[in-house]
Amino acid sequence: MKKIMYPLSSTQFTQEIPGIDADLLAKSLVMTFKNGEFITKELTELRYFYFIMEGRAKVVTTQSNGKKLILQFLSTNDMIGDLTVIKAEEEIKDVIAMGEITCLAIPIQTIETQLMTNNEFLRFLSQYIGKKLLLRMDHFKEQQTLEAKMRLAKLLLEITVDGEYHEKHTEIAEYLGVSYRHYMHTFKQLKEEEYIYKKENRYYIQTDSLEKLIQS
């Protein structure tokens, strides 16, 4: 179950976002989600606009054949619900916590009545969405230009929680744009080179070593 702290004091939220003031924070919540919990879920109504204060999450969609596909990974200072509040997305995606994650949760009604008429907030939101689009473009560009080993190494550093890697191999292969066979070959190679090790049926990464690999 998610843990909710209310009311929220202004000292708990130090990020400067246009329009988010003490009055709005008083109407908001802090929600903490545990690993694997849904922050938002497909086929449900979006009740809150989330700002990630600390932690990581993944955005997942369900394809017509029922297969899950990772679209994006989110981290501290990312937002959840940005495309919904500007009416660009009608059906929300699954957003799932990776490790423990803490979010500022602003009621959608409050967003609509107090922030969607605030030009400074809309500019801030537009810039965020633009940067997110550029990141996705970079991801697809790397699929064409960077070898799978380096892409997997970079991704492991991005999504590992407390040194532990627990994503599904099939989903990560899809995200990297490689076959499952190619992904497993690359994963095995990183294990053999001791960038990844297994302990009690869990995978862990050697962060310092992977960083040196990427920089080499």
C-alpha atoms as a PDB file:
ATOM      1  CA  MET A   1       0.000   0.000   0.000  1.00  0.00           C
ATOM      2  CA  LYS A   2       1.146   3.528  -0.671  1.00  0.00           C
ATOM      3  CA  LYS A   3       2.002   5.713   2.273  1.00  0.00           C
ATOM      4  CA  ILE A   4       0.374   9.155   2.307  1.00  0.00           C
ATOM      5  CA  MET A   5       1.544  12.128   4.341  1.00  0.00           C
ATOM      6  CA  TYR A   6      -0.816  15.084   4.611  1.00  0.00           C
ATOM      7  CA  PRO A   7      -0.786  18.069   4.814  1.00  0.00           C
ATOM      8  CA  LEU A   8       2.381  18.855   2.896  1.00  0.00           C
ATOM      9  CA  SER A   9       4.593  21.627   4.222  1.00  0.00           C
ATOM     10  CA  SER A  10       6.417  23.914   1.807  1.00  0.00           C
ATOM     11  CA  THR A  11       9.746  22.794   3.291  1.00  0.00           C
ATOM     12  CA  GLN A  12       9.161  19.262   1.981  1.00  0.00           C
ATOM     13  CA  PHE A  13       9.163  20.458  -1.635  1.00  0.00           C
ATOM     14  CA  THR A  14      12.119  22.592  -2.647  1.00  0.00           C
ATOM     15  CA  GLN A  15      11.896  22.359  -6.448  1.00  0.00           C
ATOM     16  CA  GLU A  16      10.997  25.692  -8.051  1.00  0.00           C
ATOM     17  CA  ILE A  17       8.074  25.186 -10.426  1.00  0.00           C
ATOM     18  CA  PRO A  18       6.004  28.170 -11.609  1.00  0.00           C
ATOM     19  CA  GLY A  19       2.596  28.259  -9.942  1.00  0.00           C
ATOM     20  CA  ILE A  20       3.366  25.672  -7.269  1.00  0.00           C
ATOM     21  CA  ASP A  21       3.153  27.754  -4.127  1.00  0.00           C
ATOM     22  CA  ALA A  22       2.296  27.193  -0.468  1.00  0.00           C
ATOM     23  CA  ASP A  23      -1.452  27.363  -1.171  1.00  0.00           C
ATOM     24  CA  LEU A  24      -1.251  24.647  -3.840  1.00  0.00           C
ATOM     25  CA  LEU A  25       1.061  22.475  -1.754  1.00  0.00           C
ATOM     26  CA  ALA A  26      -1.481  22.571   1.063  1.00  0.00           C
ATOM     27  CA  LYS A  27      -3.942  20.878  -1.306  1.00  0.00           C
ATOM     28  CA  SER A  28      -1.421  18.241  -2.371  1.00  0.00           C
ATOM     29  CA  LEU A  29      -0.098  14.989  -0.944  1.00  0.00           C
ATOM     30  CA  VAL A  30       3.198  13.194  -0.673  1.00  0.00           C
ATOM     31  CA  MET A  31       2.866   9.575  -1.793  1.00  0.00           C
ATOM     32  CA  THR A  32       5.495   6.892  -1.341  1.00  0.00           C
ATOM     33  CA  PHE A  33       5.259   3.795  -3.529  1.00  0.00           C
ATOM     34  CA  LYS A  34       7.134   0.559  -2.963  1.00  0.00           C
ATOM     35  CA  ASN A  35       8.950  -1.415  -5.660  1.00  0.00           C
ATOM     36  CA  GLY A  36       6.550  -2.825  -8.243  1.00  0.00           C
ATOM     37  CA  GLU A  37       3.540  -0.743  -7.158  1.00  0.00           C
ATOM     38  CA  PHE A  38       1.483   1.086  -9.769  1.00  0.00           C
ATOM     39  CA  ILE A  39       1.593   4.875  -9.610  1.00  0.00           C
ATOM     40  CA  THR A  40      -0.855   5.075 -12.502  1.00  0.00           C
ATOM     41  CA  LYS A  41      -2.637   2.191 -14.220  1.00  0.00           C
ATOM     42  CA  GLU A  42      -4.072   1.672 -17.684  1.00  0.00           C
ATOM     43  CA  LEU A  43      -7.857   1.888 -18.038  1.00  0.00           C
ATOM     44  CA  THR A  44      -8.199   3.973 -14.876  1.00  0.00           C
ATOM     45  CA  GLU A  45      -8.819   7.665 -14.403  1.00  0.00           C
ATOM     46  CA  LEU A  46      -5.854   9.880 -13.599  1.00  0.00           C
ATOM     47  CA  ARG A  47      -6.619  11.470 -10.232  1.00  0.00           C
ATOM     48  CA  TYR A  48      -3.274  13.166  -9.571  1.00  0.00           C
ATOM     49  CA  PHE A  49      -0.501  14.890 -11.450  1.00  0.00           C
ATOM     50  CA  TYR A  50       2.750  13.523 -10.047  1.00  0.00           C
ATOM     51  CA  PHE A  51       6.148  15.150  -9.647  1.00  0.00           C
ATOM     52  CA  ILE A  52       8.868  12.666  -8.704  1.00  0.00           C
ATOM     53  CA  MET A  53      10.682  14.002  -5.651  1.00  0.00           C
ATOM     54  CA  GLU A  54      12.968  10.995  -5.310  1.00  0.00           C
ATOM     55  CA  GLY A  55      13.243   7.596  -6.958  1.00  0.00           C
ATOM     56  CA  ARG A  56      12.674   5.866 -10.280  1.00  0.00           C
ATOM     57  CA  ALA A  57       9.762   4.472 -12.284  1.00  0.00           C
ATOM     58  CA  LYS A  58       9.058   2.955 -15.687  1.00  0.00           C
ATOM     59  CA  VAL A  59       6.311   3.752 -18.189  1.00  0.00           C
ATOM     60  CA  VAL A  60       4.769   0.593 -19.655  1.00  0.00           C
ATOM     61  CA  THR A  61       2.098   0.047 -22.291  1.00  0.00           C
ATOM     62  CA  THR A  62       0.215  -3.102 -23.262  1.00  0.00           C
ATOM     63  CA  GLN A  63       0.319  -4.060 -26.936  1.00  0.00           C
ATOM     64  CA  SER A  64      -2.617  -5.581 -28.797  1.00  0.00           C
ATOM     65  CA  ASN A  65      -1.125  -9.066 -28.320  1.00  0.00           C
ATOM     66  CA  GLY A  66      -0.968  -8.551 -24.550  1.00  0.00           C
ATOM     67  CA  LYS A  67       2.810  -8.099 -24.431  1.00  0.00           C
ATOM     68  CA  LYS A  68       4.154  -5.387 -22.121  1.00  0.00           C
ATOM     69  CA  LEU A  69       6.447  -2.780 -23.670  1.00  0.00           C
ATOM     70  CA  ILE A  70       8.622  -0.320 -21.737  1.00  0.00           C
ATOM     71  CA  LEU A  71       8.373   3.142 -23.279  1.00  0.00           C
ATOM     72  CA  GLN A  72      10.484   5.197 -20.913  1.00  0.00           C
ATOM     73  CA  PHE A  73      12.270   5.271 -17.583  1.00  0.00           C
ATOM     74  CA  LEU A  74      11.605   8.149 -15.185  1.00  0.00           C
ATOM     75  CA  SER A  75      13.684   9.524 -12.335  1.00  0.00           C
ATOM     76  CA  THR A  76      13.862  12.395  -9.832  1.00  0.00           C
ATOM     77  CA  ASN A  77      12.297  15.655 -11.143  1.00  0.00           C
ATOM     78  CA  ASP A  78      10.320  13.866 -13.860  1.00  0.00           C
ATOM     79  CA  MET A  79       6.551  14.302 -14.103  1.00  0.00           C
ATOM     80  CA  ILE A  80       3.721  11.817 -14.545  1.00  0.00           C
ATOM     81  CA  GLY A  81       0.500  12.911 -16.220  1.00  0.00           C
ATOM     82  CA  ASP A  82       1.947  15.765 -18.284  1.00  0.00           C
ATOM     83  CA  LEU A  83       0.474  14.519 -21.574  1.00  0.00           C
ATOM     84  CA  THR A  84      -2.891  13.884 -19.942  1.00  0.00           C
ATOM     85  CA  VAL A  85      -3.346  17.358 -18.465  1.00  0.00           C
ATOM     86  CA  ILE A  86      -2.715  19.009 -21.853  1.00  0.00           C
ATOM     87  CA  LYS A  87      -5.215  16.590 -23.471  1.00  0.00           C
ATOM     88  CA  ALA A  88      -2.576  15.031 -25.745  1.00  0.00           C
ATOM     89  CA  GLU A  89      -3.150  11.547 -24.310  1.00  0.00           C
ATOM     90  CA  GLU A  90      -6.581  10.109 -23.589  1.00  0.00           C
ATOM     91  CA  GLU A  91      -5.554   6.737 -22.175  1.00  0.00           C
ATOM     92  CA  ILE A  92      -2.926   6.771 -19.443  1.00  0.00           C
ATOM     93  CA  LYS A  93      -0.095   4.268 -19.337  1.00  0.00           C
ATOM     94  CA  ASP A  94       1.057   2.020 -16.510  1.00  0.00           C
ATOM     95  CA  VAL A  95       3.710   3.780 -14.448  1.00  0.00           C
ATOM     96  CA  ILE A  96       5.405   1.351 -12.059  1.00  0.00           C
ATOM     97  CA  ALA A  97       7.759   2.120  -9.158  1.00  0.00           C
ATOM     98  CA  MET A  98      11.330   0.812  -9.383  1.00  0.00           C
ATOM     99  CA  GLY A  99      12.442   0.596  -5.805  1.00  0.00           C
ATOM    100  CA  GLU A 100      10.895   3.073  -3.399  1.00  0.00           C
ATOM    101  CA  ILE A 101       9.715   6.311  -4.989  1.00  0.00           C
ATOM    102  CA  THR A 102       8.313   9.488  -3.423  1.00  0.00           C
ATOM    103  CA  CYS A 103       6.048  11.798  -5.404  1.00  0.00           C
ATOM    104  CA  LEU A 104       4.299  15.095  -4.946  1.00  0.00           C
ATOM    105  CA  ALA A 105       0.696  14.324  -5.938  1.00  0.00           C
ATOM    106  CA  ILE A 106      -1.371  17.328  -7.044  1.00  0.00           C
ATOM    107  CA  PRO A 107      -5.108  16.685  -7.606  1.00  0.00           C
ATOM    108  CA  ILE A 108      -6.009  16.952 -11.296  1.00  0.00           C
ATOM    109  CA  GLN A 109      -8.838  19.374 -10.469  1.00  0.00           C
ATOM    110  CA  THR A 110      -6.316  21.669  -8.796  1.00  0.00           C
ATOM    111  CA  ILE A 111      -4.054  21.493 -11.854  1.00  0.00           C
ATOM    112  CA  GLU A 112      -6.951  22.388 -14.137  1.00  0.00           C
ATOM    113  CA  THR A 113      -8.253  25.291 -12.064  1.00  0.00           C
ATOM    114  CA  GLN A 114      -4.986  26.815 -10.820  1.00  0.00           C
ATOM    115  CA  LEU A 115      -2.183  25.901 -13.185  1.00  0.00           C
ATOM    116  CA  MET A 116      -3.586  25.444 -16.689  1.00  0.00           C
ATOM    117  CA  THR A 117      -4.236  29.192 -16.865  1.00  0.00           C
ATOM    118  CA  ASN A 118      -0.743  30.021 -15.577  1.00  0.00           C
ATOM    119  CA  ASN A 119       1.428  30.935 -18.570  1.00  0.00           C
ATOM    120  CA  GLU A 120       4.680  30.393 -16.682  1.00  0.00           C
ATOM    121  CA  PHE A 121       3.632  26.872 -15.675  1.00  0.00           C
ATOM    122  CA  LEU A 122       2.508  26.070 -19.223  1.00  0.00           C
ATOM    123  CA  ARG A 123       5.875  27.236 -20.550  1.00  0.00           C
ATOM    124  CA  PHE A 124       7.624  25.081 -17.952  1.00  0.00           C
ATOM    125  CA  LEU A 125       5.470  22.081 -18.911  1.00  0.00           C
ATOM    126  CA  SER A 126       6.098  22.639 -22.635  1.00  0.00           C
ATOM    127  CA  GLN A 127       9.856  22.738 -22.096  1.00  0.00           C
ATOM    128  CA  TYR A 128       9.701  19.532 -20.058  1.00  0.00           C
ATOM    129  CA  ILE A 129       7.706  17.705 -22.747  1.00  0.00           C
ATOM    130  CA  GLY A 130      10.111  18.990 -25.418  1.00  0.00           C
ATOM    131  CA  LYS A 131      13.137  17.727 -23.497  1.00  0.00           C
ATOM    132  CA  LYS A 132      11.428  14.368 -22.983  1.00  0.00           C
ATOM    133  CA  LEU A 133      10.874  14.120 -26.743  1.00  0.00           C
ATOM    134  CA  LEU A 134      14.559  14.859 -27.387  1.00  0.00           C
ATOM    135  CA  LEU A 135      15.572  12.131 -24.917  1.00  0.00           C
ATOM    136  CA  ARG A 136      13.418   9.618 -26.789  1.00  0.00           C
ATOM    137  CA  MET A 137      15.015  10.721 -30.067  1.00  0.00           C
ATOM    138  CA  ASP A 138      18.460  10.196 -28.516  1.00  0.00           C
ATOM    139  CA  HIS A 139      17.363   6.722 -27.420  1.00  0.00           C
ATOM    140  CA  PHE A 140      16.363   5.754 -30.955  1.00  0.00           C
ATOM    141  CA  LYS A 141      19.546   7.306 -32.385  1.00  0.00           C
ATOM    142  CA  GLU A 142      21.664   5.219 -30.008  1.00  0.00           C
ATOM    143  CA  GLN A 143      19.847   2.092 -31.218  1.00  0.00           C
ATOM    144  CA  GLN A 144      21.290   2.805 -34.650  1.00  0.00           C
ATOM    145  CA  THR A 145      24.797   3.959 -33.723  1.00  0.00           C
ATOM    146  CA  LEU A 146      25.876   2.411 -30.404  1.00  0.00           C
ATOM    147  CA  GLU A 147      26.720  -1.256 -29.887  1.00  0.00           C
ATOM    148  CA  ALA A 148      24.377  -3.267 -27.671  1.00  0.00           C
ATOM    149  CA  LYS A 149      27.023  -3.788 -24.987  1.00  0.00           C
ATOM    150  CA  MET A 150      27.441  -0.047 -24.416  1.00  0.00           C
ATOM    151  CA  ARG A 151      23.712   0.615 -24.561  1.00  0.00           C
ATOM    152  CA  LEU A 152      23.025  -2.082 -21.989  1.00  0.00           C
ATOM    153  CA  ALA A 153      25.831  -0.784 -19.764  1.00  0.00           C
ATOM    154  CA  LYS A 154      24.397   2.757 -19.857  1.00  0.00           C
ATOM    155  CA  LEU A 155      20.897   1.458 -19.188  1.00  0.00           C
ATOM    156  CA  LEU A 156      22.022  -0.638 -16.220  1.00  0.00           C
ATOM    157  CA  LEU A 157      23.504   2.458 -14.584  1.00  0.00           C
ATOM    158  CA  GLU A 158      20.270   4.332 -15.207  1.00  0.00           C
ATOM    159  CA  ILE A 159      17.740   1.815 -13.918  1.00  0.00           C
ATOM    160  CA  THR A 160      19.533  -0.229 -11.255  1.00  0.00           C
ATOM    161  CA  VAL A 161      18.149   0.432  -7.781  1.00  0.00           C
ATOM    162  CA  ASP A 162      20.625   0.196  -4.887  1.00  0.00           C
ATOM    163  CA  GLY A 163      22.962  -1.756  -7.125  1.00  0.00           C
ATOM    164  CA  GLU A 164      20.315  -4.379  -7.908  1.00  0.00           C
ATOM    165  CA  TYR A 165      18.979  -5.156 -11.379  1.00  0.00           C
ATOM    166  CA  HIS A 166      15.588  -6.883 -11.469  1.00  0.00           C
ATOM    167  CA  GLU A 167      13.941  -6.032 -14.798  1.00  0.00           C
ATOM    168  CA  LYS A 168      12.540  -8.721 -17.098  1.00  0.00           C
ATOM    169  CA  HIS A 169      15.033  -9.729 -19.779  1.00  0.00           C
ATOM    170  CA  THR A 170      12.363  -9.825 -22.488  1.00  0.00           C
ATOM    171  CA  GLU A 171      11.210  -6.265 -21.757  1.00  0.00           C
ATOM    172  CA  ILE A 172      14.739  -4.847 -21.676  1.00  0.00           C
ATOM    173  CA  ALA A 173      15.572  -6.572 -24.960  1.00  0.00           C
ATOM    174  CA  GLU A 174      12.542  -4.892 -26.520  1.00  0.00           C
ATOM    175  CA  TYR A 175      13.507  -1.517 -25.049  1.00  0.00           C
ATOM    176  CA  LEU A 176      17.034  -1.800 -26.444  1.00  0.00           C
ATOM    177  CA  GLY A 177      15.702  -2.800 -29.840  1.00  0.00           C
ATOM    178  CA  VAL A 178      17.575  -6.121 -30.010  1.00  0.00           C
ATOM    179  CA  SER A 179      16.507  -9.733 -30.160  1.00  0.00           C
ATOM    180  CA  TYR A 180      16.208 -11.674 -26.927  1.00  0.00           C
ATOM    181  CA  ARG A 181      19.069 -13.898 -28.065  1.00  0.00           C
ATOM    182  CA  HIS A 182      21.331 -10.909 -28.747  1.00  0.00           C
ATOM    183  CA  TYR A 183      20.401  -9.341 -25.412  1.00  0.00           C
ATOM    184  CA  MET A 184      21.175 -12.531 -23.461  1.00  0.00           C
ATOM    185  CA  HIS A 185      24.510 -12.884 -25.278  1.00  0.00           C
ATOM    186  CA  THR A 186      25.393  -9.290 -24.308  1.00  0.00           C
ATOM    187  CA  PHE A 187      24.181  -9.769 -20.726  1.00  0.00           C
ATOM    188  CA  LYS A 188      26.263 -12.939 -20.414  1.00  0.00           C
ATOM    189  CA  GLN A 189      29.296 -11.085 -21.765  1.00  0.00           C
ATOM    190  CA  LEU A 190      28.955  -8.380 -19.088  1.00  0.00           C
ATOM    191  CA  LYS A 191      28.646 -11.119 -16.461  1.00  0.00           C
ATOM    192  CA  GLU A 192      31.770 -12.882 -17.688  1.00  0.00           C
ATOM    193  CA  GLU A 193      33.649  -9.585 -17.583  1.00  0.00           C
ATOM    194  CA  GLU A 194      32.412  -9.177 -13.969  1.00  0.00           C
ATOM    195  CA  TYR A 195      30.354  -6.021 -14.527  1.00  0.00           C
ATOM    196  CA  ILE A 196      27.344  -8.029 -13.328  1.00  0.00           C
ATOM    197  CA  TYR A 197      27.224 -10.726 -10.668  1.00  0.00           C
ATOM    198  CA  LYS A 198      24.509 -12.947  -9.283  1.00  0.00           C
ATOM    199  CA  LYS A 199      23.841 -13.531  -5.601  1.00  0.00           C
ATOM    200  CA  GLU A 200      20.888 -15.447  -4.157  1.00  0.00           C
ATOM    201  CA  ASN A 201      19.001 -15.348  -7.472  1.00  0.00           C
ATOM    202  CA  ARG A 202      19.438 -11.571  -7.780  1.00  0.00           C
ATOM    203  CA  TYR A 203      21.595  -9.616 -10.181  1.00  0.00           C
ATOM    204  CA  TYR A 204      23.865  -6.804  -9.016  1.00  0.00           C
ATOM    205  CA  ILE A 205      26.056  -4.461 -11.014  1.00  0.00           C
ATOM    206  CA  GLN A 206      29.533  -3.088 -10.394  1.00  0.00           C
ATOM    207  CA  THR A 207      28.701   0.602 -10.791  1.00  0.00           C
ATOM    208  CA  ASP A 208      32.253   1.961 -10.785  1.00  0.00           C
ATOM    209  CA  SER A 209      33.424  -0.593 -13.335  1.00  0.00           C
ATOM    210  CA  LEU A 210      30.486   0.080 -15.655  1.00  0.00           C
ATOM    211  CA  GLU A 211      31.114   3.821 -15.512  1.00  0.00           C
ATOM    212  CA  LYS A 212      34.738   3.249 -16.518  1.00  0.00           C
ATOM    213  CA  LEU A 213      33.594   1.006 -19.363  1.00  0.00           C
ATOM    214  CA  ILE A 214      31.314   3.703 -20.746  1.00  0.00           C
ATOM    215  CA  GLN A 215      33.984   6.378 -20.452  1.00  0.00           C
ATOM    216  CA  SER A 216      36.666   4.241 -22.123  1.00  0.00           C
END
